Amino acid sequence: MRRDKQAAEEVFGRRAEFYTTSESHTDPQVLARVVELSQAQADWCALDVGTGTGHTAFALAPSVASVIGVDLTPEMLQEARKLQAEQSCANVSFEIADVHQMPYPDGAFDLTTCRRAAHHFTDIVRAVGEMHRTLRDGGRLVVDDRSIPEDDFVDRCMNALDLLHDESH
């Protein structure tokens, strides 16, 4: 798993600046839908897993007491902190963390979000287990990611292209 982790850090480190302005990552309608699905409360502590450059964390910030955005890639979090300075989001912080082994106690968060990142996790069962572990009883988990096409041929083609794009898919 260490090799996979290093590969992901390298790939996403090179792309960090792109994620800051990427239309698919900054889409206000999708971000609003994630916030809507979260049913966030003003006194909640939220965790945004695979935060990248922080767009989901920033979208959640007005609705919760605090948000921690976690990512494997230091360059992504550097970009997130630049955006944070521009937006003056005082209740958002960013930390390096691996979703497969998060450094938080059981039940630490009221809400966990994961947007456009889960398809990169090397062990989805373990990752979801960690997200669940760090949620309080009755907490909310919102995962927004890609879907698999019904057509097997299209599915295989998309997966093949994704792997050519980067091996973390």
N, C-alpha and C. Protein backbone atom coordinates (compact mmCIF):
# COMPACT_ATOMS: atom_id res chain seq x y z
N MET A 1 0.82 -1.19 0.00
CA MET A 1 0.00 0.00 0.00
C MET A 1 0.87 1.26 0.00
N ARG A 2 2.04 1.22 0.58
CA ARG A 2 2.92 2.38 0.61
C ARG A 2 3.23 2.87 -0.80
N ARG A 3 3.49 1.94 -1.74
CA ARG A 3 3.79 2.33 -3.11
C ARG A 3 2.58 3.04 -3.74
N ASP A 4 1.38 2.51 -3.49
CA ASP A 4 0.16 3.15 -4.01
C ASP A 4 0.00 4.54 -3.43
N LYS A 5 0.27 4.68 -2.15
CA LYS A 5 0.15 5.97 -1.48
C LYS A 5 1.14 6.97 -2.08
N GLN A 6 2.38 6.54 -2.28
CA GLN A 6 3.39 7.41 -2.88
C GLN A 6 3.00 7.80 -4.30
N ALA A 7 2.48 6.86 -5.07
CA ALA A 7 2.07 7.15 -6.45
C ALA A 7 0.96 8.19 -6.46
N ALA A 8 -0.01 8.04 -5.56
CA ALA A 8 -1.11 9.00 -5.49
C ALA A 8 -0.58 10.39 -5.10
N GLU A 9 0.31 10.44 -4.14
CA GLU A 9 0.88 11.72 -3.73
C GLU A 9 1.59 12.39 -4.90
N GLU A 10 2.34 11.63 -5.68
CA GLU A 10 3.07 12.19 -6.82
C GLU A 10 2.11 12.71 -7.89
N VAL A 11 1.13 11.88 -8.26
CA VAL A 11 0.17 12.27 -9.30
C VAL A 11 -0.59 13.52 -8.89
N PHE A 12 -1.15 13.51 -7.69
CA PHE A 12 -1.98 14.63 -7.27
C PHE A 12 -1.14 15.84 -6.87
N GLY A 13 0.08 15.62 -6.46
CA GLY A 13 0.97 16.74 -6.19
C GLY A 13 1.22 17.56 -7.45
N ARG A 14 1.41 16.85 -8.57
CA ARG A 14 1.63 17.55 -9.85
C ARG A 14 0.38 18.29 -10.33
N ARG A 15 -0.79 17.80 -9.95
CA ARG A 15 -2.04 18.37 -10.45
C ARG A 15 -2.72 19.35 -9.50
N ALA A 16 -2.14 19.62 -8.38
CA ALA A 16 -2.81 20.40 -7.34
C ALA A 16 -3.33 21.75 -7.84
N GLU A 17 -2.51 22.45 -8.58
CA GLU A 17 -2.91 23.78 -9.05
C GLU A 17 -4.14 23.69 -9.96
N PHE A 18 -4.20 22.66 -10.77
CA PHE A 18 -5.34 22.46 -11.67
C PHE A 18 -6.65 22.29 -10.87
N TYR A 19 -6.60 21.58 -9.76
CA TYR A 19 -7.80 21.33 -8.97
C TYR A 19 -8.37 22.60 -8.36
N THR A 20 -7.54 23.61 -8.20
CA THR A 20 -8.00 24.88 -7.65
C THR A 20 -9.05 25.52 -8.54
N THR A 21 -8.88 25.39 -9.86
CA THR A 21 -9.79 26.05 -10.80
C THR A 21 -10.62 25.10 -11.65
N SER A 22 -10.45 23.81 -11.47
CA SER A 22 -11.17 22.80 -12.26
C SER A 22 -12.68 23.00 -12.17
N GLU A 23 -13.34 23.05 -13.33
CA GLU A 23 -14.79 23.24 -13.35
C GLU A 23 -15.54 22.14 -12.62
N SER A 24 -15.08 20.91 -12.74
CA SER A 24 -15.80 19.81 -12.08
C SER A 24 -15.61 19.85 -10.56
N HIS A 25 -14.53 20.44 -10.08
CA HIS A 25 -14.31 20.50 -8.64
C HIS A 25 -14.87 21.78 -8.02
N THR A 26 -15.10 22.80 -8.83
CA THR A 26 -15.63 24.07 -8.31
C THR A 26 -17.11 24.26 -8.63
N ASP A 27 -17.74 23.29 -9.25
CA ASP A 27 -19.14 23.39 -9.69
C ASP A 27 -20.06 23.76 -8.52
N PRO A 28 -20.62 24.97 -8.52
CA PRO A 28 -21.43 25.42 -7.39
C PRO A 28 -22.71 24.60 -7.19
N GLN A 29 -23.28 24.08 -8.26
CA GLN A 29 -24.50 23.27 -8.12
C GLN A 29 -24.20 21.95 -7.41
N VAL A 30 -23.11 21.31 -7.78
CA VAL A 30 -22.75 20.04 -7.14
C VAL A 30 -22.38 20.28 -5.68
N LEU A 31 -21.61 21.32 -5.42
CA LEU A 31 -21.24 21.63 -4.04
C LEU A 31 -22.47 21.93 -3.19
N ALA A 32 -23.42 22.68 -3.76
CA ALA A 32 -24.66 22.98 -3.03
C ALA A 32 -25.44 21.71 -2.74
N ARG A 33 -25.43 20.77 -3.67
CA ARG A 33 -26.14 19.50 -3.46
C ARG A 33 -25.50 18.69 -2.34
N VAL A 34 -24.18 18.68 -2.27
CA VAL A 34 -23.49 17.98 -1.18
C VAL A 34 -23.87 18.62 0.17
N VAL A 35 -23.88 19.93 0.22
CA VAL A 35 -24.27 20.63 1.45
C VAL A 35 -25.72 20.29 1.80
N GLU A 36 -26.59 20.30 0.81
CA GLU A 36 -28.00 19.96 1.04
C GLU A 36 -28.13 18.54 1.59
N LEU A 37 -27.46 17.58 0.98
CA LEU A 37 -27.52 16.19 1.43
C LEU A 37 -26.96 16.01 2.83
N SER A 38 -26.03 16.86 3.22
CA SER A 38 -25.39 16.72 4.53
C SER A 38 -26.33 17.08 5.67
N GLN A 39 -27.34 17.88 5.38
CA GLN A 39 -28.27 18.35 6.42
C GLN A 39 -27.50 18.90 7.63
N ALA A 40 -26.46 19.65 7.33
CA ALA A 40 -25.55 20.16 8.36
C ALA A 40 -26.26 21.03 9.38
N GLN A 41 -25.74 20.98 10.59
CA GLN A 41 -26.24 21.80 11.69
C GLN A 41 -25.14 22.76 12.13
N ALA A 42 -25.54 23.91 12.64
CA ALA A 42 -24.59 24.97 12.99
C ALA A 42 -23.58 24.56 14.06
N ASP A 43 -23.91 23.59 14.90
CA ASP A 43 -23.00 23.19 15.97
C ASP A 43 -22.17 21.95 15.63
N TRP A 44 -22.24 21.49 14.39
CA TRP A 44 -21.55 20.27 13.99
C TRP A 44 -20.08 20.49 13.67
N CYS A 45 -19.29 19.45 13.92
CA CYS A 45 -17.90 19.37 13.47
C CYS A 45 -17.89 18.42 12.28
N ALA A 46 -17.31 18.88 11.19
CA ALA A 46 -17.33 18.10 9.95
C ALA A 46 -15.91 17.71 9.53
N LEU A 47 -15.84 16.61 8.81
CA LEU A 47 -14.59 16.12 8.24
C LEU A 47 -14.82 15.95 6.75
N ASP A 48 -13.94 16.53 5.94
CA ASP A 48 -14.01 16.36 4.49
C ASP A 48 -12.81 15.53 4.05
N VAL A 49 -13.07 14.30 3.63
CA VAL A 49 -12.04 13.32 3.29
C VAL A 49 -11.67 13.44 1.81
N GLY A 50 -10.37 13.43 1.52
CA GLY A 50 -9.92 13.62 0.14
C GLY A 50 -10.26 15.02 -0.31
N THR A 51 -10.05 15.97 0.56
CA THR A 51 -10.50 17.35 0.34
C THR A 51 -9.87 18.02 -0.87
N GLY A 52 -8.71 17.52 -1.30
CA GLY A 52 -8.05 18.16 -2.44
C GLY A 52 -7.72 19.60 -2.11
N THR A 53 -8.22 20.52 -2.91
CA THR A 53 -7.95 21.93 -2.66
C THR A 53 -9.06 22.60 -1.84
N GLY A 54 -9.91 21.80 -1.22
CA GLY A 54 -10.81 22.29 -0.18
C GLY A 54 -12.18 22.79 -0.59
N HIS A 55 -12.58 22.61 -1.83
CA HIS A 55 -13.85 23.18 -2.29
C HIS A 55 -15.05 22.71 -1.48
N THR A 56 -15.11 21.43 -1.15
CA THR A 56 -16.24 20.93 -0.37
C THR A 56 -16.17 21.46 1.06
N ALA A 57 -14.99 21.49 1.63
CA ALA A 57 -14.83 22.04 2.98
C ALA A 57 -15.32 23.49 3.04
N PHE A 58 -14.96 24.28 2.03
CA PHE A 58 -15.39 25.69 2.00
C PHE A 58 -16.91 25.80 1.81
N ALA A 59 -17.48 24.92 1.02
CA ALA A 59 -18.93 24.94 0.82
C ALA A 59 -19.67 24.61 2.11
N LEU A 60 -19.11 23.71 2.91
CA LEU A 60 -19.74 23.32 4.18
C LEU A 60 -19.55 24.37 5.27
N ALA A 61 -18.49 25.12 5.22
CA ALA A 61 -18.08 26.02 6.30
C ALA A 61 -19.19 26.92 6.84
N PRO A 62 -20.01 27.55 6.02
CA PRO A 62 -21.06 28.42 6.57
C PRO A 62 -22.15 27.67 7.34
N SER A 63 -22.23 26.36 7.16
CA SER A 63 -23.32 25.58 7.76
C SER A 63 -22.94 24.85 9.03
N VAL A 64 -21.65 24.82 9.38
CA VAL A 64 -21.18 24.04 10.53
C VAL A 64 -20.27 24.88 11.42
N ALA A 65 -19.98 24.35 12.61
CA ALA A 65 -19.07 25.05 13.53
C ALA A 65 -17.63 24.98 13.04
N SER A 66 -17.23 23.80 12.53
CA SER A 66 -15.86 23.65 12.05
C SER A 66 -15.78 22.53 11.02
N VAL A 67 -14.77 22.64 10.15
CA VAL A 67 -14.51 21.62 9.14
C VAL A 67 -13.01 21.35 9.13
N ILE A 68 -12.67 20.07 9.14
CA ILE A 68 -11.28 19.67 8.90
C ILE A 68 -11.26 18.98 7.54
N GLY A 69 -10.44 19.49 6.65
CA GLY A 69 -10.25 18.87 5.34
C GLY A 69 -8.98 18.06 5.38
N VAL A 70 -9.07 16.78 5.03
CA VAL A 70 -7.88 15.92 5.03
C VAL A 70 -7.57 15.41 3.63
N ASP A 71 -6.28 15.27 3.37
CA ASP A 71 -5.82 14.77 2.08
C ASP A 71 -4.43 14.19 2.28
N LEU A 72 -4.04 13.30 1.39
CA LEU A 72 -2.70 12.70 1.42
C LEU A 72 -1.63 13.64 0.89
N THR A 73 -2.03 14.59 0.07
CA THR A 73 -1.09 15.33 -0.76
C THR A 73 -0.80 16.73 -0.22
N PRO A 74 0.42 16.98 0.22
CA PRO A 74 0.76 18.30 0.75
C PRO A 74 0.49 19.44 -0.25
N GLU A 75 0.77 19.19 -1.53
CA GLU A 75 0.55 20.24 -2.54
C GLU A 75 -0.93 20.62 -2.65
N MET A 76 -1.80 19.64 -2.53
CA MET A 76 -3.24 19.93 -2.54
C MET A 76 -3.60 20.83 -1.37
N LEU A 77 -3.08 20.51 -0.21
CA LEU A 77 -3.41 21.30 0.98
C LEU A 77 -2.78 22.69 0.93
N GLN A 78 -1.64 22.83 0.26
CA GLN A 78 -1.05 24.16 0.04
C GLN A 78 -2.02 25.02 -0.77
N GLU A 79 -2.56 24.44 -1.84
CA GLU A 79 -3.53 25.15 -2.67
C GLU A 79 -4.79 25.49 -1.85
N ALA A 80 -5.23 24.54 -1.02
CA ALA A 80 -6.41 24.78 -0.18
C ALA A 80 -6.17 25.95 0.76
N ARG A 81 -4.99 26.03 1.32
CA ARG A 81 -4.68 27.13 2.24
C ARG A 81 -4.62 28.48 1.51
N LYS A 82 -4.16 28.47 0.27
CA LYS A 82 -4.19 29.70 -0.53
C LYS A 82 -5.63 30.16 -0.75
N LEU A 83 -6.49 29.21 -1.13
CA LEU A 83 -7.90 29.54 -1.31
C LEU A 83 -8.52 30.02 -0.01
N GLN A 84 -8.15 29.41 1.08
CA GLN A 84 -8.69 29.79 2.38
C GLN A 84 -8.33 31.24 2.71
N ALA A 85 -7.12 31.63 2.41
CA ALA A 85 -6.70 33.01 2.66
C ALA A 85 -7.53 33.99 1.83
N GLU A 86 -7.86 33.60 0.60
CA GLU A 86 -8.68 34.45 -0.26
C GLU A 86 -10.12 34.54 0.23
N GLN A 87 -10.62 33.45 0.82
CA GLN A 87 -12.02 33.38 1.22
C GLN A 87 -12.25 33.72 2.69
N SER A 88 -11.22 33.83 3.47
CA SER A 88 -11.33 34.14 4.90
C SER A 88 -12.26 33.17 5.63
N CYS A 89 -12.04 31.89 5.46
CA CYS A 89 -12.81 30.85 6.15
C CYS A 89 -12.08 30.46 7.43
N ALA A 90 -12.44 31.07 8.53
CA ALA A 90 -11.74 30.85 9.79
C ALA A 90 -12.06 29.51 10.43
N ASN A 91 -13.19 28.90 10.09
CA ASN A 91 -13.59 27.65 10.75
C ASN A 91 -13.18 26.40 9.96
N VAL A 92 -12.27 26.56 9.00
CA VAL A 92 -11.78 25.43 8.21
C VAL A 92 -10.29 25.26 8.50
N SER A 93 -9.88 24.01 8.69
CA SER A 93 -8.46 23.71 8.82
C SER A 93 -8.14 22.51 7.92
N PHE A 94 -6.88 22.35 7.62
CA PHE A 94 -6.45 21.28 6.72
C PHE A 94 -5.33 20.48 7.36
N GLU A 95 -5.40 19.15 7.18
CA GLU A 95 -4.41 18.26 7.76
C GLU A 95 -4.09 17.13 6.79
N ILE A 96 -2.85 16.68 6.82
CA ILE A 96 -2.45 15.49 6.08
C ILE A 96 -3.01 14.28 6.82
N ALA A 97 -3.73 13.43 6.13
CA ALA A 97 -4.23 12.20 6.74
C ALA A 97 -4.57 11.20 5.64
N ASP A 98 -4.44 9.94 5.97
CA ASP A 98 -4.78 8.84 5.07
C ASP A 98 -6.11 8.28 5.51
N VAL A 99 -7.08 8.26 4.60
CA VAL A 99 -8.42 7.77 4.91
C VAL A 99 -8.41 6.34 5.41
N HIS A 100 -7.40 5.59 5.07
CA HIS A 100 -7.32 4.18 5.48
C HIS A 100 -6.90 4.02 6.94
N GLN A 101 -6.39 5.10 7.53
CA GLN A 101 -5.95 5.07 8.92
C GLN A 101 -5.96 6.49 9.46
N MET A 102 -7.15 6.96 9.79
CA MET A 102 -7.28 8.36 10.19
C MET A 102 -6.88 8.57 11.65
N PRO A 103 -6.28 9.73 11.93
CA PRO A 103 -5.74 10.01 13.26
C PRO A 103 -6.76 10.61 14.23
N TYR A 104 -8.02 10.26 14.09
CA TYR A 104 -9.06 10.84 14.92
C TYR A 104 -9.73 9.77 15.77
N PRO A 105 -10.20 10.17 16.95
CA PRO A 105 -10.86 9.19 17.82
C PRO A 105 -12.23 8.77 17.27
N ASP A 106 -12.71 7.66 17.77
CA ASP A 106 -14.05 7.19 17.42
C ASP A 106 -15.07 8.29 17.73
N GLY A 107 -16.01 8.48 16.83
CA GLY A 107 -17.11 9.40 17.06
C GLY A 107 -16.74 10.87 17.12
N ALA A 108 -15.63 11.26 16.53
CA ALA A 108 -15.14 12.64 16.62
C ALA A 108 -15.94 13.64 15.80
N PHE A 109 -16.68 13.16 14.78
CA PHE A 109 -17.34 14.08 13.85
C PHE A 109 -18.84 13.82 13.75
N ASP A 110 -19.56 14.90 13.50
CA ASP A 110 -21.00 14.81 13.28
C ASP A 110 -21.32 14.52 11.82
N LEU A 111 -20.40 14.94 10.94
CA LEU A 111 -20.60 14.84 9.50
C LEU A 111 -19.28 14.52 8.84
N THR A 112 -19.30 13.59 7.91
CA THR A 112 -18.13 13.32 7.07
C THR A 112 -18.58 13.37 5.61
N THR A 113 -17.82 14.11 4.81
CA THR A 113 -18.09 14.17 3.37
C THR A 113 -16.87 13.66 2.62
N CYS A 114 -17.14 13.17 1.43
CA CYS A 114 -16.07 12.70 0.54
C CYS A 114 -16.58 12.92 -0.88
N ARG A 115 -16.00 13.88 -1.57
CA ARG A 115 -16.48 14.24 -2.90
C ARG A 115 -15.39 14.02 -3.95
N ARG A 116 -15.71 13.21 -4.94
CA ARG A 116 -14.83 12.96 -6.09
C ARG A 116 -13.48 12.36 -5.70
N ALA A 117 -13.43 11.59 -4.61
CA ALA A 117 -12.17 11.02 -4.18
C ALA A 117 -12.22 9.51 -3.95
N ALA A 118 -13.37 8.99 -3.61
CA ALA A 118 -13.46 7.58 -3.18
C ALA A 118 -12.96 6.61 -4.24
N HIS A 119 -13.09 6.92 -5.51
CA HIS A 119 -12.63 6.00 -6.55
C HIS A 119 -11.10 5.89 -6.60
N HIS A 120 -10.41 6.71 -5.83
CA HIS A 120 -8.96 6.64 -5.74
C HIS A 120 -8.48 5.82 -4.54
N PHE A 121 -9.35 5.47 -3.62
CA PHE A 121 -8.94 4.75 -2.42
C PHE A 121 -8.53 3.33 -2.77
N THR A 122 -7.42 2.88 -2.22
CA THR A 122 -6.91 1.55 -2.55
C THR A 122 -7.68 0.44 -1.84
N ASP A 123 -8.36 0.77 -0.75
CA ASP A 123 -9.16 -0.21 -0.01
C ASP A 123 -10.44 0.48 0.43
N ILE A 124 -11.44 0.45 -0.43
CA ILE A 124 -12.68 1.19 -0.17
C ILE A 124 -13.39 0.71 1.09
N VAL A 125 -13.34 -0.58 1.36
CA VAL A 125 -13.99 -1.10 2.57
C VAL A 125 -13.33 -0.52 3.83
N ARG A 126 -12.02 -0.52 3.84
CA ARG A 126 -11.29 0.05 4.99
C ARG A 126 -11.54 1.55 5.10
N ALA A 127 -11.54 2.26 3.97
CA ALA A 127 -11.77 3.71 3.98
C ALA A 127 -13.15 4.05 4.53
N VAL A 128 -14.17 3.35 4.06
CA VAL A 128 -15.53 3.61 4.56
C VAL A 128 -15.62 3.23 6.04
N GLY A 129 -14.93 2.16 6.42
CA GLY A 129 -14.89 1.77 7.82
C GLY A 129 -14.30 2.87 8.70
N GLU A 130 -13.24 3.49 8.23
CA GLU A 130 -12.62 4.60 8.97
C GLU A 130 -13.54 5.81 9.03
N MET A 131 -14.20 6.11 7.93
CA MET A 131 -15.14 7.23 7.94
C MET A 131 -16.26 6.96 8.94
N HIS A 132 -16.76 5.73 8.94
CA HIS A 132 -17.82 5.34 9.87
C HIS A 132 -17.32 5.40 11.32
N ARG A 133 -16.13 4.90 11.56
CA ARG A 133 -15.56 4.88 12.91
C ARG A 133 -15.47 6.27 13.51
N THR A 134 -15.09 7.24 12.70
CA THR A 134 -14.89 8.60 13.22
C THR A 134 -16.17 9.42 13.30
N LEU A 135 -17.29 8.85 12.84
CA LEU A 135 -18.59 9.52 12.96
C LEU A 135 -19.23 9.18 14.31
N ARG A 136 -19.87 10.16 14.90
CA ARG A 136 -20.63 9.90 16.13
C ARG A 136 -21.84 9.03 15.78
N ASP A 137 -22.42 8.37 16.77
CA ASP A 137 -23.65 7.62 16.54
C ASP A 137 -24.70 8.58 15.99
N GLY A 138 -25.33 8.21 14.91
CA GLY A 138 -26.32 9.08 14.28
C GLY A 138 -25.72 10.15 13.38
N GLY A 139 -24.39 10.13 13.22
CA GLY A 139 -23.74 11.10 12.34
C GLY A 139 -24.09 10.83 10.89
N ARG A 140 -23.67 11.74 10.04
CA ARG A 140 -24.06 11.67 8.62
C ARG A 140 -22.82 11.53 7.74
N LEU A 141 -22.88 10.60 6.79
CA LEU A 141 -21.82 10.39 5.80
C LEU A 141 -22.39 10.69 4.42
N VAL A 142 -21.73 11.60 3.70
CA VAL A 142 -22.15 11.94 2.34
C VAL A 142 -20.97 11.68 1.41
N VAL A 143 -21.16 10.73 0.48
CA VAL A 143 -20.14 10.41 -0.51
C VAL A 143 -20.71 10.74 -1.89
N ASP A 144 -20.01 11.59 -2.60
CA ASP A 144 -20.41 11.97 -3.96
C ASP A 144 -19.24 11.60 -4.87
N ASP A 145 -19.46 10.60 -5.71
CA ASP A 145 -18.38 10.16 -6.59
C ASP A 145 -18.97 9.74 -7.92
N ARG A 146 -18.14 9.22 -8.74
CA ARG A 146 -18.54 8.81 -10.08
C ARG A 146 -19.39 7.55 -10.01
N SER A 147 -20.17 7.34 -11.06
CA SER A 147 -20.96 6.13 -11.14
C SER A 147 -20.49 5.29 -12.32
N ILE A 148 -20.82 4.03 -12.27
CA ILE A 148 -20.42 3.09 -13.32
C ILE A 148 -21.53 3.02 -14.36
N PRO A 149 -21.20 3.16 -15.63
CA PRO A 149 -22.23 3.07 -16.67
C PRO A 149 -22.84 1.67 -16.73
N GLU A 150 -24.08 1.61 -17.13
CA GLU A 150 -24.78 0.32 -17.29
C GLU A 150 -24.16 -0.53 -18.39
N ASP A 151 -23.62 0.10 -19.40
CA ASP A 151 -23.04 -0.58 -20.55
C ASP A 151 -21.64 -1.11 -20.19
N ASP A 152 -21.46 -2.42 -20.21
CA ASP A 152 -20.19 -3.03 -19.82
C ASP A 152 -19.03 -2.56 -20.69
N PHE A 153 -19.26 -2.39 -21.99
CA PHE A 153 -18.20 -1.93 -22.89
C PHE A 153 -17.76 -0.51 -22.53
N VAL A 154 -18.72 0.37 -22.32
CA VAL A 154 -18.40 1.75 -21.95
C VAL A 154 -17.69 1.78 -20.59
N ASP A 155 -18.15 0.95 -19.67
CA ASP A 155 -17.52 0.86 -18.36
C ASP A 155 -16.05 0.46 -18.49
N ARG A 156 -15.77 -0.59 -19.27
CA ARG A 156 -14.39 -1.04 -19.46
C ARG A 156 -13.54 0.05 -20.13
N CYS A 157 -14.11 0.72 -21.11
CA CYS A 157 -13.37 1.80 -21.79
C CYS A 157 -13.04 2.95 -20.83
N MET A 158 -14.04 3.34 -20.05
CA MET A 158 -13.81 4.44 -19.09
C MET A 158 -12.73 4.06 -18.08
N ASN A 159 -12.81 2.84 -17.57
CA ASN A 159 -11.81 2.40 -16.60
C ASN A 159 -10.42 2.32 -17.23
N ALA A 160 -10.34 1.85 -18.46
CA ALA A 160 -9.05 1.79 -19.15
C ALA A 160 -8.48 3.19 -19.35
N LEU A 161 -9.31 4.13 -19.77
CA LEU A 161 -8.86 5.51 -19.96
C LEU A 161 -8.44 6.14 -18.64
N ASP A 162 -9.22 5.88 -17.57
CA ASP A 162 -8.87 6.41 -16.26
C ASP A 162 -7.50 5.90 -15.81
N LEU A 163 -7.24 4.63 -16.04
CA LEU A 163 -5.95 4.06 -15.65
C LEU A 163 -4.80 4.66 -16.45
N LEU A 164 -5.05 4.96 -17.72
CA LEU A 164 -4.02 5.65 -18.51
C LEU A 164 -3.79 7.06 -18.00
N HIS A 165 -4.85 7.68 -17.56
CA HIS A 165 -4.78 9.03 -17.01
C HIS A 165 -3.94 9.06 -15.73
N ASP A 166 -4.28 8.16 -14.81
CA ASP A 166 -3.44 7.96 -13.63
C ASP A 166 -3.80 6.62 -12.99
N GLU A 167 -2.78 5.99 -12.43
CA GLU A 167 -2.91 4.62 -11.92
C GLU A 167 -3.68 4.53 -10.62
N SER A 168 -4.08 5.66 -10.04
CA SER A 168 -4.79 5.61 -8.76
C SER A 168 -6.28 5.30 -8.93
N HIS A 169 -6.74 5.22 -10.17
CA HIS A 169 -8.16 4.88 -10.39
C HIS A 169 -8.38 3.40 -10.16
